[in-house]
Amino acid sequence: MLTLTIFLTSCGSVPKSVTYKAEPIDRPKLVLPETATLDMRNVDFMILTRQNVEEKFKEIEERGDPIVIFGLKAQHYEDLSLNIADILELLSQQESVIVAYREYYEQTEKVIEENNQKGEVEIPVETEGSGIDTIKNLFKWTSIIRTPF
């Protein structure tokens, strides 16, 4: 009987709300480097064929430049172009990620600042019923289970 009394009294003391006071949160500063603008240098390709090789060599010599040949097959030139396009796409994605982090951090900082200024906050506690109602329902179910058929 003593156990039942303790059990009944402990269930009857559910608060209607909980009040807490927010303590200010100091957030470390986010240090993200500014992204630089990609400034690519001009590259001039000279296409040499059997028909124009002598003419192109003569132009190079007249400018006083040394003749140096870097050769690529058509497929390798296309692969080089696609690689550069992939690099540019990745740089764009990385810049988007950095911008998203910056925006998230700034928004989070605003929310934290607003909550730090609120002080005490009261939150209502949801209850399904009193502790006595729960005990009554428990006894009702146990009496139904024990009833012989």
N, C-alpha and C. Protein backbone atom coordinates (compact mmCIF):
# COMPACT_ATOMS: atom_id res chain seq x y z
N MET A 1 0.83 -1.19 0.00
CA MET A 1 0.00 0.00 0.00
C MET A 1 0.88 1.26 0.00
N LEU A 2 1.97 1.19 0.76
CA LEU A 2 2.89 2.32 0.80
C LEU A 2 3.48 2.58 -0.59
N THR A 3 3.79 1.53 -1.29
CA THR A 3 4.35 1.67 -2.65
C THR A 3 3.34 2.34 -3.57
N LEU A 4 2.08 1.94 -3.47
CA LEU A 4 1.03 2.52 -4.30
C LEU A 4 0.86 4.00 -3.98
N THR A 5 0.94 4.39 -2.71
CA THR A 5 0.80 5.79 -2.32
C THR A 5 1.95 6.63 -2.87
N ILE A 6 3.16 6.11 -2.77
CA ILE A 6 4.33 6.83 -3.29
C ILE A 6 4.21 6.96 -4.81
N PHE A 7 3.78 5.89 -5.45
CA PHE A 7 3.64 5.89 -6.90
C PHE A 7 2.59 6.91 -7.35
N LEU A 8 1.47 6.99 -6.64
CA LEU A 8 0.41 7.92 -7.00
C LEU A 8 0.83 9.37 -6.79
N THR A 9 1.54 9.64 -5.72
CA THR A 9 1.93 11.02 -5.46
C THR A 9 3.03 11.49 -6.39
N SER A 10 3.88 10.58 -6.83
CA SER A 10 4.95 11.01 -7.73
C SER A 10 4.41 11.32 -9.12
N CYS A 11 3.35 10.68 -9.53
CA CYS A 11 2.78 10.93 -10.86
C CYS A 11 1.96 12.21 -10.90
N GLY A 12 1.53 12.67 -9.78
CA GLY A 12 0.66 13.85 -9.75
C GLY A 12 1.40 15.16 -9.78
N SER A 13 2.70 15.15 -9.83
CA SER A 13 3.43 16.42 -9.76
C SER A 13 4.13 16.77 -11.07
N VAL A 14 3.40 16.76 -12.18
CA VAL A 14 3.96 17.15 -13.47
C VAL A 14 3.75 18.65 -13.63
N PRO A 15 4.81 19.42 -13.87
CA PRO A 15 4.65 20.86 -14.01
C PRO A 15 3.92 21.20 -15.31
N LYS A 16 3.23 22.33 -15.30
CA LYS A 16 2.50 22.76 -16.50
C LYS A 16 3.44 23.38 -17.53
N SER A 17 4.55 23.95 -17.06
CA SER A 17 5.53 24.51 -17.98
C SER A 17 6.91 24.49 -17.32
N VAL A 18 7.92 24.60 -18.17
CA VAL A 18 9.31 24.64 -17.71
C VAL A 18 9.88 25.99 -18.15
N THR A 19 10.55 26.68 -17.22
CA THR A 19 11.16 27.97 -17.53
C THR A 19 12.67 27.81 -17.47
N TYR A 20 13.33 28.32 -18.48
CA TYR A 20 14.79 28.31 -18.45
C TYR A 20 15.30 29.66 -18.91
N LYS A 21 16.49 29.96 -18.48
CA LYS A 21 17.13 31.21 -18.86
C LYS A 21 18.31 30.88 -19.77
N ALA A 22 18.29 31.46 -20.96
CA ALA A 22 19.36 31.20 -21.91
C ALA A 22 20.62 31.95 -21.50
N GLU A 23 21.72 31.25 -21.55
CA GLU A 23 23.02 31.87 -21.29
C GLU A 23 23.60 32.28 -22.63
N PRO A 24 24.23 33.44 -22.70
CA PRO A 24 24.81 33.87 -23.97
C PRO A 24 25.84 32.87 -24.50
N ILE A 25 25.79 32.66 -25.79
CA ILE A 25 26.72 31.74 -26.44
C ILE A 25 27.72 32.57 -27.24
N ASP A 26 28.99 32.36 -26.97
CA ASP A 26 30.03 33.01 -27.77
C ASP A 26 30.44 32.05 -28.87
N ARG A 27 30.27 32.49 -30.07
CA ARG A 27 30.59 31.65 -31.22
C ARG A 27 31.92 32.09 -31.80
N PRO A 28 32.82 31.15 -32.10
CA PRO A 28 34.09 31.55 -32.71
C PRO A 28 33.85 32.14 -34.09
N LYS A 29 34.65 33.08 -34.44
CA LYS A 29 34.52 33.73 -35.75
C LYS A 29 34.89 32.76 -36.86
N LEU A 30 34.10 32.77 -37.90
CA LEU A 30 34.38 31.95 -39.07
C LEU A 30 35.32 32.72 -39.97
N VAL A 31 36.45 32.13 -40.25
CA VAL A 31 37.43 32.80 -41.10
C VAL A 31 37.53 32.02 -42.40
N LEU A 32 36.91 32.59 -43.43
CA LEU A 32 36.98 32.00 -44.76
C LEU A 32 37.73 32.96 -45.67
N PRO A 33 38.63 32.43 -46.44
CA PRO A 33 39.36 33.32 -47.34
C PRO A 33 38.44 33.82 -48.46
N GLU A 34 38.68 35.02 -48.88
CA GLU A 34 37.94 35.53 -50.04
C GLU A 34 38.40 34.75 -51.26
N THR A 35 37.45 34.40 -52.08
CA THR A 35 37.82 33.65 -53.28
C THR A 35 38.31 34.63 -54.34
N ALA A 36 39.40 34.27 -54.96
CA ALA A 36 39.98 35.11 -56.01
C ALA A 36 39.25 34.84 -57.33
N THR A 37 39.25 35.83 -58.16
CA THR A 37 38.68 35.67 -59.50
C THR A 37 39.68 34.92 -60.36
N LEU A 38 39.22 33.95 -61.08
CA LEU A 38 40.10 33.18 -61.95
C LEU A 38 40.41 34.01 -63.18
N ASP A 39 41.66 34.39 -63.32
CA ASP A 39 42.09 35.22 -64.45
C ASP A 39 43.07 34.39 -65.26
N MET A 40 42.59 33.81 -66.32
CA MET A 40 43.43 32.93 -67.13
C MET A 40 44.21 33.73 -68.17
N ARG A 41 45.40 33.27 -68.45
CA ARG A 41 46.26 33.91 -69.43
C ARG A 41 45.88 33.45 -70.83
N ASN A 42 46.10 34.33 -71.79
CA ASN A 42 45.84 33.97 -73.18
C ASN A 42 46.86 32.95 -73.66
N VAL A 43 46.38 31.96 -74.36
CA VAL A 43 47.25 30.97 -74.98
C VAL A 43 46.87 30.91 -76.45
N ASP A 44 47.84 31.16 -77.30
CA ASP A 44 47.59 31.10 -78.74
C ASP A 44 48.15 29.79 -79.27
N PHE A 45 47.30 29.03 -79.91
CA PHE A 45 47.72 27.79 -80.53
C PHE A 45 47.97 28.04 -82.01
N MET A 46 49.00 27.43 -82.50
CA MET A 46 49.30 27.51 -83.92
C MET A 46 49.13 26.09 -84.47
N ILE A 47 48.33 25.97 -85.46
CA ILE A 47 48.08 24.66 -86.05
C ILE A 47 49.02 24.49 -87.25
N LEU A 48 49.84 23.47 -87.16
CA LEU A 48 50.79 23.18 -88.24
C LEU A 48 50.27 21.99 -89.05
N THR A 49 50.29 22.18 -90.33
CA THR A 49 49.94 21.10 -91.24
C THR A 49 51.09 20.93 -92.23
N ARG A 50 51.07 19.90 -93.05
CA ARG A 50 52.12 19.70 -94.06
C ARG A 50 52.13 20.87 -95.04
N GLN A 51 50.96 21.47 -95.24
CA GLN A 51 50.87 22.54 -96.21
C GLN A 51 51.43 23.87 -95.69
N ASN A 52 51.34 24.13 -94.37
CA ASN A 52 51.73 25.45 -93.87
C ASN A 52 52.96 25.45 -92.95
N VAL A 53 53.60 24.33 -92.76
CA VAL A 53 54.70 24.25 -91.79
C VAL A 53 55.86 25.17 -92.16
N GLU A 54 56.23 25.25 -93.41
CA GLU A 54 57.35 26.11 -93.83
C GLU A 54 56.99 27.58 -93.59
N GLU A 55 55.77 27.95 -93.94
CA GLU A 55 55.32 29.34 -93.75
C GLU A 55 55.30 29.73 -92.27
N LYS A 56 54.80 28.84 -91.41
CA LYS A 56 54.72 29.13 -89.97
C LYS A 56 56.11 29.21 -89.35
N PHE A 57 57.03 28.33 -89.76
CA PHE A 57 58.40 28.41 -89.24
C PHE A 57 59.05 29.74 -89.62
N LYS A 58 58.78 30.21 -90.82
CA LYS A 58 59.35 31.48 -91.29
C LYS A 58 58.81 32.64 -90.45
N GLU A 59 57.50 32.63 -90.13
CA GLU A 59 56.88 33.68 -89.29
C GLU A 59 57.53 33.69 -87.90
N ILE A 60 57.76 32.53 -87.36
CA ILE A 60 58.36 32.42 -86.02
C ILE A 60 59.78 32.98 -86.04
N GLU A 61 60.54 32.64 -87.04
CA GLU A 61 61.93 33.12 -87.15
C GLU A 61 61.97 34.63 -87.34
N GLU A 62 61.03 35.19 -88.11
CA GLU A 62 61.00 36.64 -88.33
C GLU A 62 60.70 37.40 -87.04
N ARG A 63 59.93 36.83 -86.15
CA ARG A 63 59.64 37.46 -84.85
C ARG A 63 60.81 37.31 -83.89
N GLY A 64 61.72 36.45 -84.20
CA GLY A 64 62.87 36.23 -83.34
C GLY A 64 62.60 35.21 -82.24
N ASP A 65 61.51 34.50 -82.35
CA ASP A 65 61.18 33.47 -81.35
C ASP A 65 61.84 32.15 -81.73
N PRO A 66 62.24 31.36 -80.71
CA PRO A 66 62.80 30.05 -81.04
C PRO A 66 61.68 29.10 -81.52
N ILE A 67 62.05 28.21 -82.37
CA ILE A 67 61.07 27.23 -82.85
C ILE A 67 61.06 26.05 -81.89
N VAL A 68 59.92 25.86 -81.27
CA VAL A 68 59.69 24.75 -80.34
C VAL A 68 58.33 24.17 -80.69
N ILE A 69 58.26 22.88 -80.76
CA ILE A 69 57.00 22.25 -81.13
C ILE A 69 56.50 21.39 -79.98
N PHE A 70 55.26 21.65 -79.57
CA PHE A 70 54.55 20.79 -78.63
C PHE A 70 53.40 20.19 -79.43
N GLY A 71 53.42 18.93 -79.62
CA GLY A 71 52.41 18.32 -80.48
C GLY A 71 51.33 17.60 -79.70
N LEU A 72 50.12 17.72 -80.17
CA LEU A 72 48.99 16.99 -79.61
C LEU A 72 48.18 16.38 -80.75
N LYS A 73 47.71 15.20 -80.54
CA LYS A 73 46.76 14.63 -81.49
C LYS A 73 45.43 15.34 -81.26
N ALA A 74 44.54 15.26 -82.22
CA ALA A 74 43.24 15.94 -82.11
C ALA A 74 42.49 15.46 -80.86
N GLN A 75 42.51 14.18 -80.59
CA GLN A 75 41.81 13.64 -79.41
C GLN A 75 42.42 14.17 -78.11
N HIS A 76 43.74 14.26 -78.06
CA HIS A 76 44.40 14.76 -76.85
C HIS A 76 44.11 16.24 -76.63
N TYR A 77 44.01 17.00 -77.71
CA TYR A 77 43.64 18.42 -77.58
C TYR A 77 42.22 18.53 -77.02
N GLU A 78 41.34 17.67 -77.51
CA GLU A 78 39.96 17.68 -76.99
C GLU A 78 39.95 17.29 -75.51
N ASP A 79 40.73 16.29 -75.14
CA ASP A 79 40.82 15.87 -73.73
C ASP A 79 41.34 17.00 -72.85
N LEU A 80 42.35 17.72 -73.34
CA LEU A 80 42.90 18.86 -72.60
C LEU A 80 41.82 19.91 -72.37
N SER A 81 41.05 20.21 -73.40
CA SER A 81 39.96 21.20 -73.28
C SER A 81 38.92 20.74 -72.27
N LEU A 82 38.57 19.46 -72.30
CA LEU A 82 37.58 18.93 -71.35
C LEU A 82 38.12 18.95 -69.91
N ASN A 83 39.40 18.67 -69.75
CA ASN A 83 40.00 18.74 -68.41
C ASN A 83 39.93 20.16 -67.85
N ILE A 84 40.22 21.14 -68.68
CA ILE A 84 40.15 22.54 -68.23
C ILE A 84 38.71 22.90 -67.87
N ALA A 85 37.75 22.44 -68.66
CA ALA A 85 36.34 22.69 -68.34
C ALA A 85 35.96 22.06 -67.01
N ASP A 86 36.46 20.84 -66.75
CA ASP A 86 36.18 20.18 -65.46
C ASP A 86 36.76 20.95 -64.29
N ILE A 87 37.98 21.47 -64.48
CA ILE A 87 38.61 22.27 -63.42
C ILE A 87 37.79 23.52 -63.13
N LEU A 88 37.34 24.19 -64.17
CA LEU A 88 36.52 25.40 -63.98
C LEU A 88 35.20 25.08 -63.29
N GLU A 89 34.60 23.94 -63.63
CA GLU A 89 33.35 23.54 -62.98
C GLU A 89 33.58 23.26 -61.49
N LEU A 90 34.67 22.56 -61.17
CA LEU A 90 34.98 22.27 -59.77
C LEU A 90 35.24 23.55 -58.98
N LEU A 91 35.94 24.49 -59.57
CA LEU A 91 36.18 25.76 -58.89
C LEU A 91 34.86 26.48 -58.61
N SER A 92 33.96 26.43 -59.55
CA SER A 92 32.65 27.06 -59.36
C SER A 92 31.88 26.39 -58.23
N GLN A 93 31.93 25.07 -58.17
CA GLN A 93 31.26 24.34 -57.10
C GLN A 93 31.87 24.67 -55.74
N GLN A 94 33.18 24.74 -55.67
CA GLN A 94 33.85 25.05 -54.40
C GLN A 94 33.50 26.47 -53.94
N GLU A 95 33.41 27.39 -54.87
CA GLU A 95 33.01 28.75 -54.52
C GLU A 95 31.58 28.76 -53.97
N SER A 96 30.69 27.96 -54.55
CA SER A 96 29.32 27.86 -54.06
C SER A 96 29.27 27.30 -52.64
N VAL A 97 30.11 26.31 -52.36
CA VAL A 97 30.16 25.72 -51.02
C VAL A 97 30.63 26.77 -50.01
N ILE A 98 31.65 27.53 -50.36
CA ILE A 98 32.16 28.57 -49.44
C ILE A 98 31.09 29.63 -49.20
N VAL A 99 30.38 30.04 -50.24
CA VAL A 99 29.30 31.02 -50.08
C VAL A 99 28.21 30.47 -49.19
N ALA A 100 27.84 29.19 -49.38
CA ALA A 100 26.80 28.57 -48.56
C ALA A 100 27.22 28.53 -47.09
N TYR A 101 28.47 28.15 -46.80
CA TYR A 101 28.96 28.15 -45.42
C TYR A 101 28.90 29.55 -44.82
N ARG A 102 29.30 30.54 -45.58
CA ARG A 102 29.29 31.92 -45.08
C ARG A 102 27.86 32.34 -44.75
N GLU A 103 26.91 32.07 -45.65
CA GLU A 103 25.51 32.45 -45.41
C GLU A 103 24.94 31.70 -44.21
N TYR A 104 25.24 30.41 -44.10
CA TYR A 104 24.76 29.61 -42.96
C TYR A 104 25.30 30.19 -41.66
N TYR A 105 26.58 30.50 -41.64
CA TYR A 105 27.21 31.02 -40.43
C TYR A 105 26.58 32.35 -40.04
N GLU A 106 26.37 33.23 -41.02
CA GLU A 106 25.80 34.55 -40.72
C GLU A 106 24.36 34.43 -40.22
N GLN A 107 23.57 33.53 -40.81
CA GLN A 107 22.19 33.32 -40.36
C GLN A 107 22.17 32.72 -38.96
N THR A 108 23.04 31.76 -38.71
CA THR A 108 23.11 31.13 -37.40
C THR A 108 23.52 32.14 -36.34
N GLU A 109 24.44 33.02 -36.69
CA GLU A 109 24.88 34.04 -35.75
C GLU A 109 23.72 34.98 -35.37
N LYS A 110 22.88 35.32 -36.36
CA LYS A 110 21.71 36.17 -36.08
C LYS A 110 20.74 35.47 -35.13
N VAL A 111 20.47 34.19 -35.36
CA VAL A 111 19.55 33.43 -34.51
C VAL A 111 20.11 33.32 -33.10
N ILE A 112 21.38 33.05 -32.97
CA ILE A 112 22.00 32.95 -31.64
C ILE A 112 21.89 34.29 -30.92
N GLU A 113 22.17 35.37 -31.62
CA GLU A 113 22.08 36.70 -31.01
C GLU A 113 20.66 37.00 -30.55
N GLU A 114 19.67 36.65 -31.35
CA GLU A 114 18.27 36.86 -30.97
C GLU A 114 17.93 36.05 -29.71
N ASN A 115 18.35 34.79 -29.67
CA ASN A 115 18.07 33.95 -28.51
C ASN A 115 18.83 34.41 -27.27
N ASN A 116 20.03 34.93 -27.45
CA ASN A 116 20.78 35.43 -26.31
C ASN A 116 20.09 36.64 -25.68
N GLN A 117 19.35 37.40 -26.47
CA GLN A 117 18.68 38.58 -25.96
C GLN A 117 17.33 38.27 -25.33
N LYS A 118 16.80 37.08 -25.52
CA LYS A 118 15.47 36.74 -25.00
C LYS A 118 15.42 36.63 -23.48
N GLY A 119 16.46 36.12 -22.89
CA GLY A 119 16.44 35.94 -21.44
C GLY A 119 15.71 34.66 -21.08
N GLU A 120 14.68 34.78 -20.22
CA GLU A 120 13.95 33.59 -19.79
C GLU A 120 12.90 33.22 -20.82
N VAL A 121 12.75 31.91 -21.01
CA VAL A 121 11.77 31.38 -21.95
C VAL A 121 10.93 30.34 -21.22
N GLU A 122 9.62 30.37 -21.43
CA GLU A 122 8.73 29.40 -20.81
C GLU A 122 8.20 28.47 -21.87
N ILE A 123 8.37 27.17 -21.64
CA ILE A 123 7.93 26.15 -22.58
C ILE A 123 6.85 25.32 -21.92
N PRO A 124 5.64 25.23 -22.52
CA PRO A 124 4.59 24.41 -21.93
C PRO A 124 4.94 22.93 -22.03
N VAL A 125 4.55 22.18 -20.99
CA VAL A 125 4.81 20.74 -20.95
C VAL A 125 3.51 20.04 -21.32
N GLU A 126 3.60 19.16 -22.32
CA GLU A 126 2.42 18.43 -22.74
C GLU A 126 2.26 17.20 -21.86
N THR A 127 1.05 16.99 -21.37
CA THR A 127 0.75 15.80 -20.57
C THR A 127 -0.46 15.11 -21.15
N GLU A 128 -0.48 13.80 -21.07
CA GLU A 128 -1.60 13.04 -21.59
C GLU A 128 -2.73 12.93 -20.56
N GLY A 129 -2.47 13.25 -19.38
CA GLY A 129 -3.46 13.15 -18.31
C GLY A 129 -2.72 13.15 -16.99
N SER A 130 -3.46 13.19 -15.92
CA SER A 130 -2.81 13.21 -14.62
C SER A 130 -2.30 11.82 -14.28
N GLY A 131 -1.44 11.75 -13.30
CA GLY A 131 -0.89 10.48 -12.86
C GLY A 131 -1.96 9.55 -12.32
N ILE A 132 -2.99 10.12 -11.68
CA ILE A 132 -4.08 9.31 -11.13
C ILE A 132 -4.86 8.66 -12.27
N ASP A 133 -5.11 9.40 -13.36
CA ASP A 133 -5.81 8.83 -14.51
C ASP A 133 -5.02 7.68 -15.11
N THR A 134 -3.73 7.81 -15.14
CA THR A 134 -2.88 6.75 -15.68
C THR A 134 -2.98 5.50 -14.82
N ILE A 135 -2.96 5.67 -13.50
CA ILE A 135 -3.08 4.53 -12.59
C ILE A 135 -4.44 3.87 -12.74
N LYS A 136 -5.51 4.68 -12.84
CA LYS A 136 -6.85 4.11 -13.02
C LYS A 136 -6.94 3.29 -14.29
N ASN A 137 -6.35 3.80 -15.37
CA ASN A 137 -6.37 3.05 -16.63
C ASN A 137 -5.57 1.77 -16.52
N LEU A 138 -4.47 1.81 -15.79
CA LEU A 138 -3.66 0.63 -15.60
C LEU A 138 -4.44 -0.44 -14.86
N PHE A 139 -5.16 -0.04 -13.78
CA PHE A 139 -5.95 -1.01 -13.02
C PHE A 139 -7.12 -1.52 -13.84
N LYS A 140 -7.69 -0.66 -14.69
CA LYS A 140 -8.81 -1.09 -15.53
C LYS A 140 -8.33 -2.19 -16.48
N TRP A 141 -7.15 -2.01 -17.09
CA TRP A 141 -6.64 -3.01 -18.03
C TRP A 141 -6.25 -4.31 -17.32
N THR A 142 -5.70 -4.18 -16.13
CA THR A 142 -5.31 -5.41 -15.42
C THR A 142 -6.55 -6.19 -14.99
N SER A 143 -7.65 -5.50 -14.66
CA SER A 143 -8.86 -6.22 -14.27
C SER A 143 -9.51 -6.87 -15.49
N ILE A 144 -9.38 -6.26 -16.66
CA ILE A 144 -9.94 -6.86 -17.87
C ILE A 144 -9.13 -8.08 -18.25
N ILE A 145 -7.83 -8.01 -18.10
CA ILE A 145 -6.97 -9.15 -18.48
C ILE A 145 -7.22 -10.34 -17.56
N ARG A 146 -7.45 -10.10 -16.27
CA ARG A 146 -7.62 -11.19 -15.32
C ARG A 146 -9.03 -11.78 -15.34
N THR A 147 -9.96 -11.14 -16.01
CA THR A 147 -11.32 -11.66 -16.03
C THR A 147 -11.38 -12.96 -16.83
N PRO A 148 -11.87 -14.04 -16.21
CA PRO A 148 -11.94 -15.31 -16.94
C PRO A 148 -13.05 -15.25 -18.02
N PHE A 149 -12.85 -16.02 -19.05
CA PHE A 149 -13.82 -16.05 -20.14
C PHE A 149 -14.92 -17.02 -19.89
